[in-house]
Protein backbone atom coordinates (compact mmCIF):
# COMPACT_ATOMS: atom_id res chain seq x y z
CA MET A 1 -38.34 119.18 -13.68
CA LEU A 2 -40.01 121.30 -16.36
CA LYS A 3 -43.27 119.14 -16.39
CA GLN A 4 -43.25 119.65 -12.53
CA GLN A 5 -43.31 123.41 -12.68
CA LYS A 6 -46.05 123.57 -15.40
CA THR A 7 -48.26 121.35 -13.02
CA GLU A 8 -47.74 123.68 -10.09
CA ASN A 9 -48.62 126.79 -12.19
CA SER A 10 -51.36 125.25 -14.28
CA THR A 11 -54.20 127.36 -12.53
CA GLY A 12 -52.28 130.44 -13.24
CA ALA A 13 -51.39 131.00 -9.66
CA GLY A 14 -48.44 133.21 -9.39
CA LYS A 15 -45.73 133.45 -6.48
CA LYS A 16 -46.84 136.84 -5.35
CA PRO A 17 -48.83 137.15 -2.09
CA ALA A 18 -52.53 137.52 -2.45
CA LEU A 19 -53.94 141.01 -2.72
CA ARG A 20 -56.03 142.28 0.23
CA VAL A 21 -58.66 145.28 0.65
CA THR A 22 -58.48 147.47 3.64
CA PHE A 23 -62.37 147.36 4.25
CA ASP A 24 -62.15 143.65 5.32
CA SER A 25 -58.75 142.09 6.10
CA ARG A 26 -60.15 138.70 5.94
CA LEU A 27 -60.72 138.93 2.17
CA LYS A 28 -57.96 137.72 -0.14
CA LEU A 29 -57.88 138.26 -3.87
CA GLU A 30 -56.30 135.15 -5.66
CA PHE A 31 -56.56 133.44 -9.06
CA HIS A 32 -57.65 129.85 -8.88
CA GLY A 33 -58.64 129.02 -12.59
CA SER A 34 -62.18 127.75 -12.32
CA LYS A 35 -63.06 129.64 -9.13
CA ILE A 36 -64.03 132.88 -10.80
CA THR A 37 -66.93 135.15 -9.94
CA SER A 38 -68.11 137.64 -12.60
CA ASP A 39 -68.87 140.35 -9.90
CA ALA A 40 -65.48 140.55 -8.36
CA GLY A 41 -64.96 143.95 -9.87
CA LEU A 42 -67.48 145.37 -7.24
CA LEU A 43 -64.46 144.87 -4.71
CA ALA A 44 -62.56 147.80 -6.22
CA TYR A 45 -65.62 150.10 -5.98
CA ARG A 46 -66.22 149.13 -2.46
CA GLU A 47 -62.59 149.88 -1.70
CA LEU A 48 -63.08 153.48 -3.05
CA ASP A 49 -66.19 153.59 -1.03
CA GLU A 50 -64.43 152.64 2.07
CA ALA A 51 -61.56 155.12 1.30
CA LEU A 52 -63.99 158.04 1.05
CA GLY A 53 -66.68 156.86 3.50
CA LEU A 54 -69.51 157.35 1.04
CA THR A 55 -72.11 154.79 1.94
CA ASP A 56 -71.22 155.50 5.68
CA LEU A 57 -72.86 158.67 5.21
CA GLY A 58 -76.24 156.90 5.01
CA ASP A 59 -76.12 155.92 8.75
CA GLU A 60 -75.93 159.78 9.48
CA LEU A 61 -78.65 160.76 7.07
CA LEU A 62 -81.29 158.02 6.93
CA ASN A 63 -84.03 157.58 9.47
CA ASP A 64 -84.29 153.96 10.69
CA TRP A 65 -87.75 153.16 12.19
CA ARG A 66 -87.69 149.19 11.86
CA THR A 67 -87.88 147.25 15.05
CA GLY A 68 -87.44 143.52 15.95
CA LYS A 69 -86.60 140.96 13.15
CA ASN A 70 -86.85 143.71 10.54
CA THR A 71 -83.34 144.90 11.61
CA GLN A 72 -81.21 141.96 10.64
CA HIS A 73 -79.29 144.24 8.33
CA SER A 74 -78.34 147.90 9.11
CA MET A 75 -79.48 150.68 6.71
CA VAL A 76 -75.93 151.04 5.52
CA ALA A 77 -75.86 147.45 4.57
CA LEU A 78 -79.12 147.50 2.88
CA MET A 79 -78.02 150.77 0.99
CA ARG A 80 -74.89 149.08 0.00
CA GLN A 81 -76.62 146.10 -1.53
CA SER A 82 -79.18 148.39 -3.44
CA ILE A 83 -76.36 150.44 -4.92
CA PHE A 84 -73.78 147.77 -5.72
CA SER A 85 -76.29 145.34 -7.02
CA ARG A 86 -77.49 147.66 -9.71
CA LEU A 87 -73.79 148.99 -10.28
CA ALA A 88 -73.24 145.06 -11.31
CA GLY A 89 -76.18 145.51 -13.60
CA TYR A 90 -78.84 143.83 -11.59
CA GLU A 91 -81.81 146.44 -11.83
CA GLU A 92 -84.62 144.64 -9.97
CA THR A 93 -84.87 143.46 -6.32
CA ASN A 94 -85.89 140.11 -7.69
CA ASP A 95 -82.21 139.35 -8.11
CA ALA A 96 -81.68 139.79 -4.33
CA GLU A 97 -82.55 136.25 -3.50
CA ARG A 98 -79.60 134.72 -5.74
CA LEU A 99 -77.44 137.51 -4.66
CA SER A 100 -77.82 137.12 -1.08
CA VAL A 101 -75.54 134.14 -1.15
CA ASP A 102 -73.05 135.50 -3.78
CA PRO A 103 -69.70 135.63 -1.77
CA THR A 104 -68.66 138.91 -3.49
CA LEU A 105 -71.91 140.76 -2.52
CA ARG A 106 -71.75 139.54 0.87
CA HIS A 107 -68.28 141.00 1.64
CA VAL A 108 -69.32 144.23 -0.25
CA VAL A 109 -72.51 144.60 1.84
CA GLY A 110 -70.66 143.81 5.01
CA GLY A 111 -72.04 143.33 8.52
CA ARG A 112 -74.15 140.17 9.16
CA ALA A 113 -73.98 139.42 5.44
CA THR A 114 -70.35 138.60 5.57
CA GLU A 115 -70.85 135.29 7.85
CA HIS A 116 -74.44 134.64 6.75
CA THR A 117 -76.25 136.12 3.75
CA ALA A 118 -77.21 139.34 2.47
CA ALA A 119 -80.94 140.78 2.42
CA SER A 120 -83.51 138.64 0.55
CA THR A 121 -85.93 139.97 -2.17
CA SER A 122 -88.52 140.69 0.43
CA GLN A 123 -86.16 142.46 2.73
CA MET A 124 -84.83 144.71 -0.26
CA GLY A 125 -88.34 145.27 -1.39
CA ARG A 126 -89.48 146.66 2.03
CA PHE A 127 -86.23 148.58 2.25
CA GLU A 128 -86.69 150.42 -1.12
CA THR A 129 -90.43 150.84 -0.88
CA GLU A 130 -91.36 151.51 2.66
CA VAL A 131 -88.24 152.68 4.36
CA LEU A 132 -86.58 154.81 1.77
CA THR A 133 -89.98 156.37 0.85
CA GLN A 134 -90.51 157.98 4.18
CA PRO A 135 -90.39 161.88 3.61
CA GLY A 136 -87.30 162.47 5.70
CA ASN A 137 -85.37 159.73 3.87
CA LEU A 138 -86.55 160.85 0.58
CA LYS A 139 -85.03 164.37 1.15
CA ALA A 140 -81.89 162.93 2.62
CA LEU A 141 -81.43 160.74 -0.61
CA SER A 142 -81.76 163.74 -2.84
CA LYS A 143 -78.93 165.54 -1.20
CA LEU A 144 -76.80 162.46 -0.67
CA SER A 145 -75.10 162.43 -4.11
CA GLY A 146 -74.01 166.12 -3.37
CA LYS A 147 -72.55 165.05 -0.10
CA TRP A 148 -70.57 162.32 -1.87
CA ILE A 149 -69.05 164.79 -4.19
CA ASP A 150 -68.19 167.04 -1.34
CA ARG A 151 -66.25 163.99 0.18
CA LEU A 152 -64.30 163.83 -3.23
CA ARG A 153 -63.66 167.72 -3.14
CA GLU A 154 -61.95 167.32 0.08
CA ARG A 155 -59.42 165.22 -1.44
CA GLN A 156 -59.41 167.08 -4.74
CA PRO A 157 -60.44 170.63 -4.46
CA MET A 158 -62.05 172.46 -7.21
CA ARG A 159 -61.61 176.10 -8.25
CA GLU A 160 -64.66 176.39 -10.43
CA LEU A 161 -68.04 174.79 -10.57
CA ILE A 162 -70.56 174.90 -13.42
CA LEU A 163 -74.18 173.72 -12.60
CA ASP A 164 -76.64 172.60 -15.25
CA MET A 165 -80.28 172.10 -14.17
CA ASP A 166 -82.33 169.94 -16.49
CA SER A 167 -85.42 167.64 -16.05
CA SER A 168 -86.01 164.14 -16.99
CA VAL A 169 -89.22 162.03 -17.53
CA SER A 170 -90.06 158.46 -16.36
CA GLU A 171 -93.35 157.31 -17.70
CA THR A 172 -95.51 155.18 -15.31
CA TYR A 173 -98.53 152.97 -15.62
CA GLY A 174 -101.37 152.31 -13.19
CA GLY A 175 -102.06 154.38 -10.11
CA GLN A 176 -98.35 154.57 -8.85
CA GLU A 177 -98.00 156.81 -5.75
CA GLY A 178 -96.81 160.34 -6.49
CA THR A 179 -97.24 160.15 -10.31
CA ALA A 180 -99.06 162.81 -12.42
CA PHE A 181 -100.21 163.60 -15.94
CA ASN A 182 -97.57 165.99 -17.83
CA GLY A 183 -98.96 168.00 -20.61
CA HIS A 184 -95.68 168.50 -22.15
CA PHE A 185 -94.73 165.06 -22.54
CA GLY A 186 -98.30 163.67 -22.85
CA CYS A 187 -98.01 160.95 -20.42
CA THR A 188 -98.58 160.05 -16.71
CA CYS A 189 -95.00 160.04 -15.39
CA TYR A 190 -92.43 161.22 -12.73
CA HIS A 191 -90.80 164.26 -13.65
CA PRO A 192 -87.58 164.74 -11.57
CA LEU A 193 -85.26 167.88 -11.75
CA PHE A 194 -81.45 167.17 -11.70
CA CYS A 195 -78.50 169.47 -10.91
CA PHE A 196 -75.39 168.36 -12.71
CA ASN A 197 -71.94 169.75 -12.45
CA GLN A 198 -69.43 170.19 -15.40
CA PHE A 199 -68.27 166.58 -14.85
CA GLY A 200 -71.75 164.92 -15.25
CA ASP A 201 -72.22 164.21 -11.67
CA VAL A 202 -75.54 164.71 -10.02
CA GLU A 203 -75.29 167.30 -7.32
CA GLN A 204 -78.79 167.15 -6.10
CA SER A 205 -82.44 166.13 -7.44
CA LEU A 206 -85.82 167.35 -6.76
CA ASP A 207 -89.26 166.50 -7.95
CA VAL A 208 -90.29 169.20 -10.63
CA ASP A 209 -93.54 169.91 -8.80
CA ASP A 210 -91.60 170.73 -5.71
CA ALA A 211 -88.73 172.44 -7.37
CA ALA A 212 -90.66 175.39 -8.80
CA GLY A 213 -91.33 176.66 -5.16
CA GLU A 214 -88.19 175.10 -3.42
CA THR A 215 -85.30 175.57 -5.85
CA ASP A 216 -83.59 178.42 -4.01
CA GLN A 217 -84.02 176.89 -0.61
CA ASP A 218 -82.99 173.38 -1.47
CA TRP A 219 -80.10 174.38 -3.70
CA GLY A 220 -78.86 176.77 -1.06
CA GLU A 221 -76.67 174.34 0.78
CA SER A 222 -74.98 173.32 -2.46
CA ARG A 223 -74.50 176.91 -3.53
CA ALA A 224 -72.91 178.04 -0.14
CA SER A 225 -69.86 175.81 -0.52
CA PHE A 226 -69.04 177.69 -3.79
CA PRO A 227 -69.87 181.25 -3.37
CA GLU A 228 -67.66 182.35 -6.40
CA ASP A 229 -67.45 181.20 -10.16
CA ARG A 230 -70.77 179.47 -10.16
CA PHE A 231 -72.75 179.56 -13.52
CA PRO A 232 -75.95 177.62 -13.64
CA ASP A 233 -77.30 176.50 -16.86
CA GLY A 234 -81.18 176.17 -16.57
CA GLY A 235 -82.29 173.38 -18.94
CA GLY A 236 -85.62 171.62 -19.43
CA GLY A 237 -87.49 174.78 -19.70
CA ARG A 238 -88.24 174.80 -16.01
CA CYS A 239 -85.56 177.27 -14.72
CA ARG A 240 -86.74 180.42 -13.38
CA GLU A 241 -85.55 183.93 -14.10
CA SER A 242 -83.76 184.18 -10.85
CA CYS A 243 -81.86 180.99 -11.59
CA SER A 244 -80.48 182.28 -15.02
CA GLU A 245 -77.96 184.51 -13.54
CA PRO A 246 -74.62 183.77 -12.04
CA PHE A 247 -74.65 183.57 -8.12
């Protein structure tokens, strides 16, 4: 009898029912010994995404100009694949070919990918270098993280918000579009300006070349949601005098 019980539980399967996630009721989480995926942790992130409706905002903000066969995957599905694959440590679109058949990523991406495959390397490349780089989409992306934070604030209101503005440098090589020589850093680079809150979350981002003339206008929407107790800390040597006072 004891030997029979050990055989039945040799894979580690328990008597408890399988766990399920709300964003896709067809998906079950079980332990079957050798059948393990190293990216199953993405399911927990996708569940949080579903609860707050984060990636769904992309459907409202991003402009989709694709037609015909280029629309096999929705904008939201492509954005999920771009975000969650990097969250799992895959920083290059070259990994998309292998990840397109990964069962975990397919369910995380959703839509057509659930029953077929996620986007290929070429599809992800076009999405990130042609679709997202459209002026309207770039502006929407710069504000997307702030809108995600607002979704969280709806669940957990904040009484005080401290903003810290600082720049970063990303050195480039060759004739990459939008890059320029920076005398301070002594290299050709992208030089974005980031606005962080006191928890280290990125409220918004801007290119420094644009930020000098558009900071007040583009940060305005974020400021309006917290009219009191906001104390910006201008870092990176790029904050103007008008930005160094409480507002």
